[in-house]
Amino acid sequence: MTKETGCIIIRDNKRVYQNIVWRAIIWLITRFMNKRHRENWPKAILASYTIPEVNEILSWSRLSHYQVSTDFVFIDLCVESPGK
């Protein structure tokens, strides 16, 4: 629950493994991580949603004031209070 003019931002990984270029980029990035992160970050990406999946889930919800955006490997969901 937010204040009258509040906003909640949810950030998660974006599932990008369906693209071979992204797989290579993620593999390269993980080479600079410690062992635990190198093993777990790719699993977290595989467990994440795609933009169409997020939009479908939101269409089932009762939320009406939200915006979905994306960048390099993240999905951001901004949910605004109706009073904003």
PDB file of N, CA and C in Angstrom:
ATOM      1  N   MET A   1       0.854  -1.168   0.000  1.00  0.00           N
ATOM      2  CA  MET A   1       0.000   0.000   0.000  1.00  0.00           C
ATOM      3  C   MET A   1       0.904   1.237   0.000  1.00  0.00           C
ATOM      4  N   THR A   2       0.573   2.202  -0.841  1.00  0.00           N
ATOM      5  CA  THR A   2       1.346   3.433  -0.905  1.00  0.00           C
ATOM      6  C   THR A   2       0.512   4.599  -0.391  1.00  0.00           C
ATOM      7  N   LYS A   3       1.172   5.726  -0.216  1.00  0.00           N
ATOM      8  CA  LYS A   3       0.448   6.945   0.110  1.00  0.00           C
ATOM      9  C   LYS A   3      -0.357   7.369  -1.108  1.00  0.00           C
ATOM     10  N   GLU A   4      -1.131   8.432  -0.973  1.00  0.00           N
ATOM     11  CA  GLU A   4      -1.971   8.898  -2.075  1.00  0.00           C
ATOM     12  C   GLU A   4      -1.197   9.131  -3.362  1.00  0.00           C
ATOM     13  N   THR A   5       0.012   9.623  -3.241  1.00  0.00           N
ATOM     14  CA  THR A   5       0.802   9.919  -4.439  1.00  0.00           C
ATOM     15  C   THR A   5       2.018   9.002  -4.550  1.00  0.00           C
ATOM     16  N   GLY A   6       1.901   7.804  -3.988  1.00  0.00           N
ATOM     17  CA  GLY A   6       3.038   6.900  -3.943  1.00  0.00           C
ATOM     18  C   GLY A   6       3.205   6.058  -5.186  1.00  0.00           C
ATOM     19  N   CYS A   7       4.343   5.391  -5.221  1.00  0.00           N
ATOM     20  CA  CYS A   7       4.686   4.515  -6.338  1.00  0.00           C
ATOM     21  C   CYS A   7       5.513   3.351  -5.794  1.00  0.00           C
ATOM     22  N   ILE A   8       5.215   2.167  -6.272  1.00  0.00           N
ATOM     23  CA  ILE A   8       5.993   0.981  -5.924  1.00  0.00           C
ATOM     24  C   ILE A   8       6.730   0.552  -7.186  1.00  0.00           C
ATOM     25  N   ILE A   9       8.029   0.301  -7.060  1.00  0.00           N
ATOM     26  CA  ILE A   9       8.811  -0.160  -8.201  1.00  0.00           C
ATOM     27  C   ILE A   9       9.329  -1.562  -7.894  1.00  0.00           C
ATOM     28  N   ILE A  10       9.055  -2.469  -8.799  1.00  0.00           N
ATOM     29  CA  ILE A  10       9.521  -3.849  -8.682  1.00  0.00           C
ATOM     30  C   ILE A  10      10.492  -4.090  -9.836  1.00  0.00           C
ATOM     31  N   ARG A  11      11.680  -4.548  -9.504  1.00  0.00           N
ATOM     32  CA  ARG A  11      12.697  -4.814 -10.530  1.00  0.00           C
ATOM     33  C   ARG A  11      13.081  -6.286 -10.445  1.00  0.00           C
ATOM     34  N   ASP A  12      13.155  -6.909 -11.609  1.00  0.00           N
ATOM     35  CA  ASP A  12      13.546  -8.311 -11.667  1.00  0.00           C
ATOM     36  C   ASP A  12      14.372  -8.532 -12.933  1.00  0.00           C
ATOM     37  N   ASN A  13      15.062  -9.648 -12.973  1.00  0.00           N
ATOM     38  CA  ASN A  13      15.763 -10.026 -14.188  1.00  0.00           C
ATOM     39  C   ASN A  13      14.759 -10.257 -15.304  1.00  0.00           C
ATOM     40  N   LYS A  14      15.216 -10.170 -16.517  1.00  0.00           N
ATOM     41  CA  LYS A  14      14.404 -10.468 -17.691  1.00  0.00           C
ATOM     42  C   LYS A  14      14.947 -11.761 -18.294  1.00  0.00           C
ATOM     43  N   ARG A  15      14.055 -12.695 -18.645  1.00  0.00           N
ATOM     44  CA  ARG A  15      14.515 -13.938 -19.248  1.00  0.00           C
ATOM     45  C   ARG A  15      14.960 -13.650 -20.680  1.00  0.00           C
ATOM     46  N   VAL A  16      16.244 -13.732 -20.922  1.00  0.00           N
ATOM     47  CA  VAL A  16      16.818 -13.395 -22.224  1.00  0.00           C
ATOM     48  C   VAL A  16      17.540 -14.584 -22.861  1.00  0.00           C
ATOM     49  N   TYR A  17      17.437 -15.757 -22.262  1.00  0.00           N
ATOM     50  CA  TYR A  17      18.200 -16.906 -22.757  1.00  0.00           C
ATOM     51  C   TYR A  17      17.708 -17.454 -24.087  1.00  0.00           C
ATOM     52  N   GLN A  18      16.550 -17.003 -24.563  1.00  0.00           N
ATOM     53  CA  GLN A  18      16.090 -17.520 -25.842  1.00  0.00           C
ATOM     54  C   GLN A  18      16.941 -16.991 -27.002  1.00  0.00           C
ATOM     55  N   ASN A  19      17.807 -16.026 -26.719  1.00  0.00           N
ATOM     56  CA  ASN A  19      18.667 -15.427 -27.738  1.00  0.00           C
ATOM     57  C   ASN A  19      20.109 -15.870 -27.484  1.00  0.00           C
ATOM     58  N   ILE A  20      20.734 -16.473 -28.472  1.00  0.00           N
ATOM     59  CA  ILE A  20      22.101 -17.011 -28.307  1.00  0.00           C
ATOM     60  C   ILE A  20      23.125 -15.921 -27.998  1.00  0.00           C
ATOM     61  N   VAL A  21      22.917 -14.719 -28.518  1.00  0.00           N
ATOM     62  CA  VAL A  21      23.833 -13.608 -28.228  1.00  0.00           C
ATOM     63  C   VAL A  21      23.777 -13.276 -26.738  1.00  0.00           C
ATOM     64  N   TRP A  22      22.555 -13.232 -26.179  1.00  0.00           N
ATOM     65  CA  TRP A  22      22.422 -12.959 -24.747  1.00  0.00           C
ATOM     66  C   TRP A  22      23.058 -14.051 -23.909  1.00  0.00           C
ATOM     67  N   ARG A  23      22.912 -15.296 -24.340  1.00  0.00           N
ATOM     68  CA  ARG A  23      23.558 -16.393 -23.602  1.00  0.00           C
ATOM     69  C   ARG A  23      25.065 -16.171 -23.528  1.00  0.00           C
ATOM     70  N   ALA A  24      25.647 -15.766 -24.637  1.00  0.00           N
ATOM     71  CA  ALA A  24      27.097 -15.525 -24.678  1.00  0.00           C
ATOM     72  C   ALA A  24      27.477 -14.350 -23.783  1.00  0.00           C
ATOM     73  N   ILE A  25      26.682 -13.287 -23.814  1.00  0.00           N
ATOM     74  CA  ILE A  25      26.959 -12.109 -22.972  1.00  0.00           C
ATOM     75  C   ILE A  25      26.880 -12.479 -21.498  1.00  0.00           C
ATOM     76  N   ILE A  26      25.838 -13.211 -21.135  1.00  0.00           N
ATOM     77  CA  ILE A  26      25.681 -13.611 -19.727  1.00  0.00           C
ATOM     78  C   ILE A  26      26.815 -14.534 -19.305  1.00  0.00           C
ATOM     79  N   TRP A  27      27.186 -15.474 -20.170  1.00  0.00           N
ATOM     80  CA  TRP A  27      28.311 -16.350 -19.851  1.00  0.00           C
ATOM     81  C   TRP A  27      29.573 -15.527 -19.612  1.00  0.00           C
ATOM     82  N   LEU A  28      29.818 -14.540 -20.480  1.00  0.00           N
ATOM     83  CA  LEU A  28      31.007 -13.701 -20.349  1.00  0.00           C
ATOM     84  C   LEU A  28      30.977 -12.903 -19.040  1.00  0.00           C
ATOM     85  N   ILE A  29      29.845 -12.308 -18.723  1.00  0.00           N
ATOM     86  CA  ILE A  29      29.723 -11.531 -17.480  1.00  0.00           C
ATOM     87  C   ILE A  29      29.968 -12.414 -16.267  1.00  0.00           C
ATOM     88  N   THR A  30      29.443 -13.642 -16.290  1.00  0.00           N
ATOM     89  CA  THR A  30      29.604 -14.516 -15.120  1.00  0.00           C
ATOM     90  C   THR A  30      31.050 -14.930 -14.888  1.00  0.00           C
ATOM     91  N   ARG A  31      31.908 -14.810 -15.881  1.00  0.00           N
ATOM     92  CA  ARG A  31      33.315 -15.145 -15.691  1.00  0.00           C
ATOM     93  C   ARG A  31      33.975 -14.208 -14.673  1.00  0.00           C
ATOM     94  N   PHE A  32      33.390 -13.038 -14.449  1.00  0.00           N
ATOM     95  CA  PHE A  32      33.948 -12.061 -13.519  1.00  0.00           C
ATOM     96  C   PHE A  32      33.271 -12.117 -12.149  1.00  0.00           C
ATOM     97  N   MET A  33      32.388 -13.082 -11.949  1.00  0.00           N
ATOM     98  CA  MET A  33      31.668 -13.220 -10.677  1.00  0.00           C
ATOM     99  C   MET A  33      32.308 -14.313  -9.829  1.00  0.00           C
ATOM    100  N   ASN A  34      32.020 -14.262  -8.528  1.00  0.00           N
ATOM    101  CA  ASN A  34      32.478 -15.357  -7.690  1.00  0.00           C
ATOM    102  C   ASN A  34      31.672 -16.612  -8.023  1.00  0.00           C
ATOM    103  N   LYS A  35      32.107 -17.756  -7.539  1.00  0.00           N
ATOM    104  CA  LYS A  35      31.508 -19.034  -7.916  1.00  0.00           C
ATOM    105  C   LYS A  35      30.015 -19.087  -7.623  1.00  0.00           C
ATOM    106  N   ARG A  36      29.607 -18.631  -6.473  1.00  0.00           N
ATOM    107  CA  ARG A  36      28.185 -18.686  -6.072  1.00  0.00           C
ATOM    108  C   ARG A  36      27.310 -17.892  -7.040  1.00  0.00           C
ATOM    109  N   HIS A  37      27.718 -16.661  -7.348  1.00  0.00           N
ATOM    110  CA  HIS A  37      26.946 -15.844  -8.277  1.00  0.00           C
ATOM    111  C   HIS A  37      27.009 -16.398  -9.700  1.00  0.00           C
ATOM    112  N   ARG A  38      28.145 -16.925 -10.079  1.00  0.00           N
ATOM    113  CA  ARG A  38      28.305 -17.502 -11.417  1.00  0.00           C
ATOM    114  C   ARG A  38      27.332 -18.662 -11.622  1.00  0.00           C
ATOM    115  N   GLU A  39      27.090 -19.438 -10.564  1.00  0.00           N
ATOM    116  CA  GLU A  39      26.162 -20.566 -10.659  1.00  0.00           C
ATOM    117  C   GLU A  39      24.703 -20.136 -10.549  1.00  0.00           C
ATOM    118  N   ASN A  40      24.421 -19.110  -9.738  1.00  0.00           N
ATOM    119  CA  ASN A  40      23.030 -18.768  -9.438  1.00  0.00           C
ATOM    120  C   ASN A  40      22.414 -17.711 -10.349  1.00  0.00           C
ATOM    121  N   TRP A  41      23.185 -16.765 -10.857  1.00  0.00           N
ATOM    122  CA  TRP A  41      22.592 -15.708 -11.674  1.00  0.00           C
ATOM    123  C   TRP A  41      21.935 -16.260 -12.942  1.00  0.00           C
ATOM    124  N   PRO A  42      22.589 -17.161 -13.691  1.00  0.00           N
ATOM    125  CA  PRO A  42      21.910 -17.734 -14.857  1.00  0.00           C
ATOM    126  C   PRO A  42      20.610 -18.468 -14.492  1.00  0.00           C
ATOM    127  N   LYS A  43      20.596 -19.139 -13.341  1.00  0.00           N
ATOM    128  CA  LYS A  43      19.368 -19.817 -12.890  1.00  0.00           C
ATOM    129  C   LYS A  43      18.272 -18.799 -12.596  1.00  0.00           C
ATOM    130  N   ALA A  44      18.657 -17.668 -12.003  1.00  0.00           N
ATOM    131  CA  ALA A  44      17.677 -16.614 -11.717  1.00  0.00           C
ATOM    132  C   ALA A  44      17.103 -16.041 -13.008  1.00  0.00           C
ATOM    133  N   ILE A  45      17.936 -15.896 -14.013  1.00  0.00           N
ATOM    134  CA  ILE A  45      17.458 -15.386 -15.302  1.00  0.00           C
ATOM    135  C   ILE A  45      16.491 -16.381 -15.940  1.00  0.00           C
ATOM    136  N   LEU A  46      16.820 -17.666 -15.869  1.00  0.00           N
ATOM    137  CA  LEU A  46      15.925 -18.682 -16.428  1.00  0.00           C
ATOM    138  C   LEU A  46      14.585 -18.729 -15.699  1.00  0.00           C
ATOM    139  N   ALA A  47      14.571 -18.370 -14.422  1.00  0.00           N
ATOM    140  CA  ALA A  47      13.333 -18.387 -13.640  1.00  0.00           C
ATOM    141  C   ALA A  47      12.541 -17.088 -13.770  1.00  0.00           C
ATOM    142  N   SER A  48      13.087 -16.119 -14.469  1.00  0.00           N
ATOM    143  CA  SER A  48      12.431 -14.819 -14.611  1.00  0.00           C
ATOM    144  C   SER A  48      11.387 -14.854 -15.723  1.00  0.00           C
ATOM    145  N   TYR A  49      10.670 -13.744 -15.839  1.00  0.00           N
ATOM    146  CA  TYR A  49       9.618 -13.621 -16.845  1.00  0.00           C
ATOM    147  C   TYR A  49      10.114 -12.856 -18.063  1.00  0.00           C
ATOM    148  N   THR A  50       9.379 -13.002 -19.159  1.00  0.00           N
ATOM    149  CA  THR A  50       9.581 -12.176 -20.335  1.00  0.00           C
ATOM    150  C   THR A  50       8.575 -11.026 -20.260  1.00  0.00           C
ATOM    151  N   ILE A  51       8.761  -9.995 -21.081  1.00  0.00           N
ATOM    152  CA  ILE A  51       7.826  -8.867 -21.102  1.00  0.00           C
ATOM    153  C   ILE A  51       6.403  -9.326 -21.433  1.00  0.00           C
ATOM    154  N   PRO A  52       6.187 -10.159 -22.456  1.00  0.00           N
ATOM    155  CA  PRO A  52       4.818 -10.616 -22.723  1.00  0.00           C
ATOM    156  C   PRO A  52       4.195 -11.370 -21.545  1.00  0.00           C
ATOM    157  N   GLU A  53       4.998 -12.158 -20.821  1.00  0.00           N
ATOM    158  CA  GLU A  53       4.475 -12.870 -19.653  1.00  0.00           C
ATOM    159  C   GLU A  53       4.061 -11.895 -18.550  1.00  0.00           C
ATOM    160  N   VAL A  54       4.869 -10.870 -18.318  1.00  0.00           N
ATOM    161  CA  VAL A  54       4.523  -9.859 -17.308  1.00  0.00           C
ATOM    162  C   VAL A  54       3.234  -9.153 -17.697  1.00  0.00           C
ATOM    163  N   ASN A  55       3.122  -8.770 -18.959  1.00  0.00           N
ATOM    164  CA  ASN A  55       1.905  -8.094 -19.415  1.00  0.00           C
ATOM    165  C   ASN A  55       0.679  -8.989 -19.283  1.00  0.00           C
ATOM    166  N   GLU A  56       0.829 -10.269 -19.563  1.00  0.00           N
ATOM    167  CA  GLU A  56      -0.302 -11.193 -19.413  1.00  0.00           C
ATOM    168  C   GLU A  56      -0.720 -11.324 -17.951  1.00  0.00           C
ATOM    169  N   ILE A  57       0.244 -11.464 -17.062  1.00  0.00           N
ATOM    170  CA  ILE A  57      -0.058 -11.552 -15.628  1.00  0.00           C
ATOM    171  C   ILE A  57      -0.768 -10.290 -15.161  1.00  0.00           C
ATOM    172  N   LEU A  58      -0.283  -9.134 -15.589  1.00  0.00           N
ATOM    173  CA  LEU A  58      -0.903  -7.872 -15.182  1.00  0.00           C
ATOM    174  C   LEU A  58      -2.308  -7.724 -15.750  1.00  0.00           C
ATOM    175  N   SER A  59      -2.565  -8.280 -16.919  1.00  0.00           N
ATOM    176  CA  SER A  59      -3.908  -8.187 -17.485  1.00  0.00           C
ATOM    177  C   SER A  59      -4.913  -8.965 -16.649  1.00  0.00           C
ATOM    178  N   TRP A  60      -4.457  -9.975 -15.921  1.00  0.00           N
ATOM    179  CA  TRP A  60      -5.335 -10.750 -15.038  1.00  0.00           C
ATOM    180  C   TRP A  60      -5.558 -10.042 -13.705  1.00  0.00           C
ATOM    181  N   SER A  61      -4.706  -9.096 -13.380  1.00  0.00           N
ATOM    182  CA  SER A  61      -4.775  -8.438 -12.072  1.00  0.00           C
ATOM    183  C   SER A  61      -5.823  -7.323 -12.080  1.00  0.00           C
ATOM    184  N   ARG A  62      -6.049  -6.769 -10.905  1.00  0.00           N
ATOM    185  CA  ARG A  62      -6.964  -5.631 -10.798  1.00  0.00           C
ATOM    186  C   ARG A  62      -6.208  -4.307 -10.809  1.00  0.00           C
ATOM    187  N   LEU A  63      -4.923  -4.334 -11.110  1.00  0.00           N
ATOM    188  CA  LEU A  63      -4.142  -3.106 -11.167  1.00  0.00           C
ATOM    189  C   LEU A  63      -4.522  -2.300 -12.406  1.00  0.00           C
ATOM    190  N   SER A  64      -4.571  -0.993 -12.248  1.00  0.00           N
ATOM    191  CA  SER A  64      -4.923  -0.168 -13.400  1.00  0.00           C
ATOM    192  C   SER A  64      -3.904   0.941 -13.662  1.00  0.00           C
ATOM    193  N   HIS A  65      -3.106   1.301 -12.689  1.00  0.00           N
ATOM    194  CA  HIS A  65      -2.135   2.388 -12.843  1.00  0.00           C
ATOM    195  C   HIS A  65      -0.721   1.817 -12.760  1.00  0.00           C
ATOM    196  N   TYR A  66      -0.282   1.219 -13.840  1.00  0.00           N
ATOM    197  CA  TYR A  66       1.056   0.629 -13.835  1.00  0.00           C
ATOM    198  C   TYR A  66       1.733   0.864 -15.176  1.00  0.00           C
ATOM    199  N   GLN A  67       3.052   0.720 -15.149  1.00  0.00           N
ATOM    200  CA  GLN A  67       3.852   0.863 -16.358  1.00  0.00           C
ATOM    201  C   GLN A  67       4.962  -0.180 -16.301  1.00  0.00           C
ATOM    202  N   VAL A  68       5.157  -0.885 -17.396  1.00  0.00           N
ATOM    203  CA  VAL A  68       6.222  -1.881 -17.497  1.00  0.00           C
ATOM    204  C   VAL A  68       7.285  -1.327 -18.432  1.00  0.00           C
ATOM    205  N   SER A  69       8.525  -1.342 -17.978  1.00  0.00           N
ATOM    206  CA  SER A  69       9.625  -0.901 -18.834  1.00  0.00           C
ATOM    207  C   SER A  69      10.761  -1.913 -18.723  1.00  0.00           C
ATOM    208  N   THR A  70      11.713  -1.798 -19.620  1.00  0.00           N
ATOM    209  CA  THR A  70      12.812  -2.750 -19.638  1.00  0.00           C
ATOM    210  C   THR A  70      14.097  -2.050 -20.055  1.00  0.00           C
ATOM    211  N   ASP A  71      15.199  -2.612 -19.621  1.00  0.00           N
ATOM    212  CA  ASP A  71      16.500  -2.127 -20.069  1.00  0.00           C
ATOM    213  C   ASP A  71      17.365  -3.346 -20.378  1.00  0.00           C
ATOM    214  N   PHE A  72      18.635  -3.246 -20.196  1.00  0.00           N
ATOM    215  CA  PHE A  72      19.610  -4.274 -20.569  1.00  0.00           C
ATOM    216  C   PHE A  72      19.158  -5.688 -20.192  1.00  0.00           C
ATOM    217  N   VAL A  73      19.013  -5.980 -18.928  1.00  0.00           N
ATOM    218  CA  VAL A  73      18.577  -7.315 -18.491  1.00  0.00           C
ATOM    219  C   VAL A  73      17.518  -7.267 -17.398  1.00  0.00           C
ATOM    220  N   PHE A  74      16.877  -6.123 -17.225  1.00  0.00           N
ATOM    221  CA  PHE A  74      15.892  -5.985 -16.153  1.00  0.00           C
ATOM    222  C   PHE A  74      14.514  -5.623 -16.683  1.00  0.00           C
ATOM    223  N   ILE A  75      13.510  -6.012 -15.922  1.00  0.00           N
ATOM    224  CA  ILE A  75      12.142  -5.568 -16.134  1.00  0.00           C
ATOM    225  C   ILE A  75      11.780  -4.730 -14.914  1.00  0.00           C
ATOM    226  N   ASP A  76      11.237  -3.564 -15.144  1.00  0.00           N
ATOM    227  CA  ASP A  76      10.769  -2.688 -14.064  1.00  0.00           C
ATOM    228  C   ASP A  76       9.264  -2.550 -14.164  1.00  0.00           C
ATOM    229  N   LEU A  77       8.601  -2.706 -13.046  1.00  0.00           N
ATOM    230  CA  LEU A  77       7.158  -2.517 -12.957  1.00  0.00           C
ATOM    231  C   LEU A  77       6.935  -1.382 -11.960  1.00  0.00           C
ATOM    232  N   CYS A  78       6.336  -0.311 -12.420  1.00  0.00           N
ATOM    233  CA  CYS A  78       6.018   0.826 -11.546  1.00  0.00           C
ATOM    234  C   CYS A  78       4.505   0.843 -11.357  1.00  0.00           C
ATOM    235  N   VAL A  79       4.053   0.690 -10.124  1.00  0.00           N
ATOM    236  CA  VAL A  79       2.633   0.722  -9.807  1.00  0.00           C
ATOM    237  C   VAL A  79       2.382   1.998  -9.029  1.00  0.00           C
ATOM    238  N   GLU A  80       1.560   2.882  -9.601  1.00  0.00           N
ATOM    239  CA  GLU A  80       1.237   4.163  -8.980  1.00  0.00           C
ATOM    240  C   GLU A  80      -0.080   4.074  -8.249  1.00  0.00           C
ATOM    241  N   SER A  81      -0.191   4.858  -7.195  1.00  0.00           N
ATOM    242  CA  SER A  81      -1.488   4.915  -6.518  1.00  0.00           C
ATOM    243  C   SER A  81      -2.475   5.625  -7.420  1.00  0.00           C
ATOM    244  N   PRO A  82      -3.755   5.280  -7.354  1.00  0.00           N
ATOM    245  CA  PRO A  82      -4.750   5.899  -8.210  1.00  0.00           C
ATOM    246  C   PRO A  82      -4.848   7.418  -8.056  1.00  0.00           C
ATOM    247  N   GLY A  83      -4.444   7.952  -6.899  1.00  0.00           N
ATOM    248  CA  GLY A  83      -4.546   9.381  -6.656  1.00  0.00           C
ATOM    249  C   GLY A  83      -3.460  10.191  -7.317  1.00  0.00           C
ATOM    250  N   LYS A  84      -2.486   9.557  -7.929  1.00  0.00           N
ATOM    251  CA  LYS A  84      -1.340  10.266  -8.510  1.00  0.00           C
ATOM    252  C   LYS A  84      -1.680  10.895  -9.838  1.00  0.00           C
TER     253      LYS A  84
END
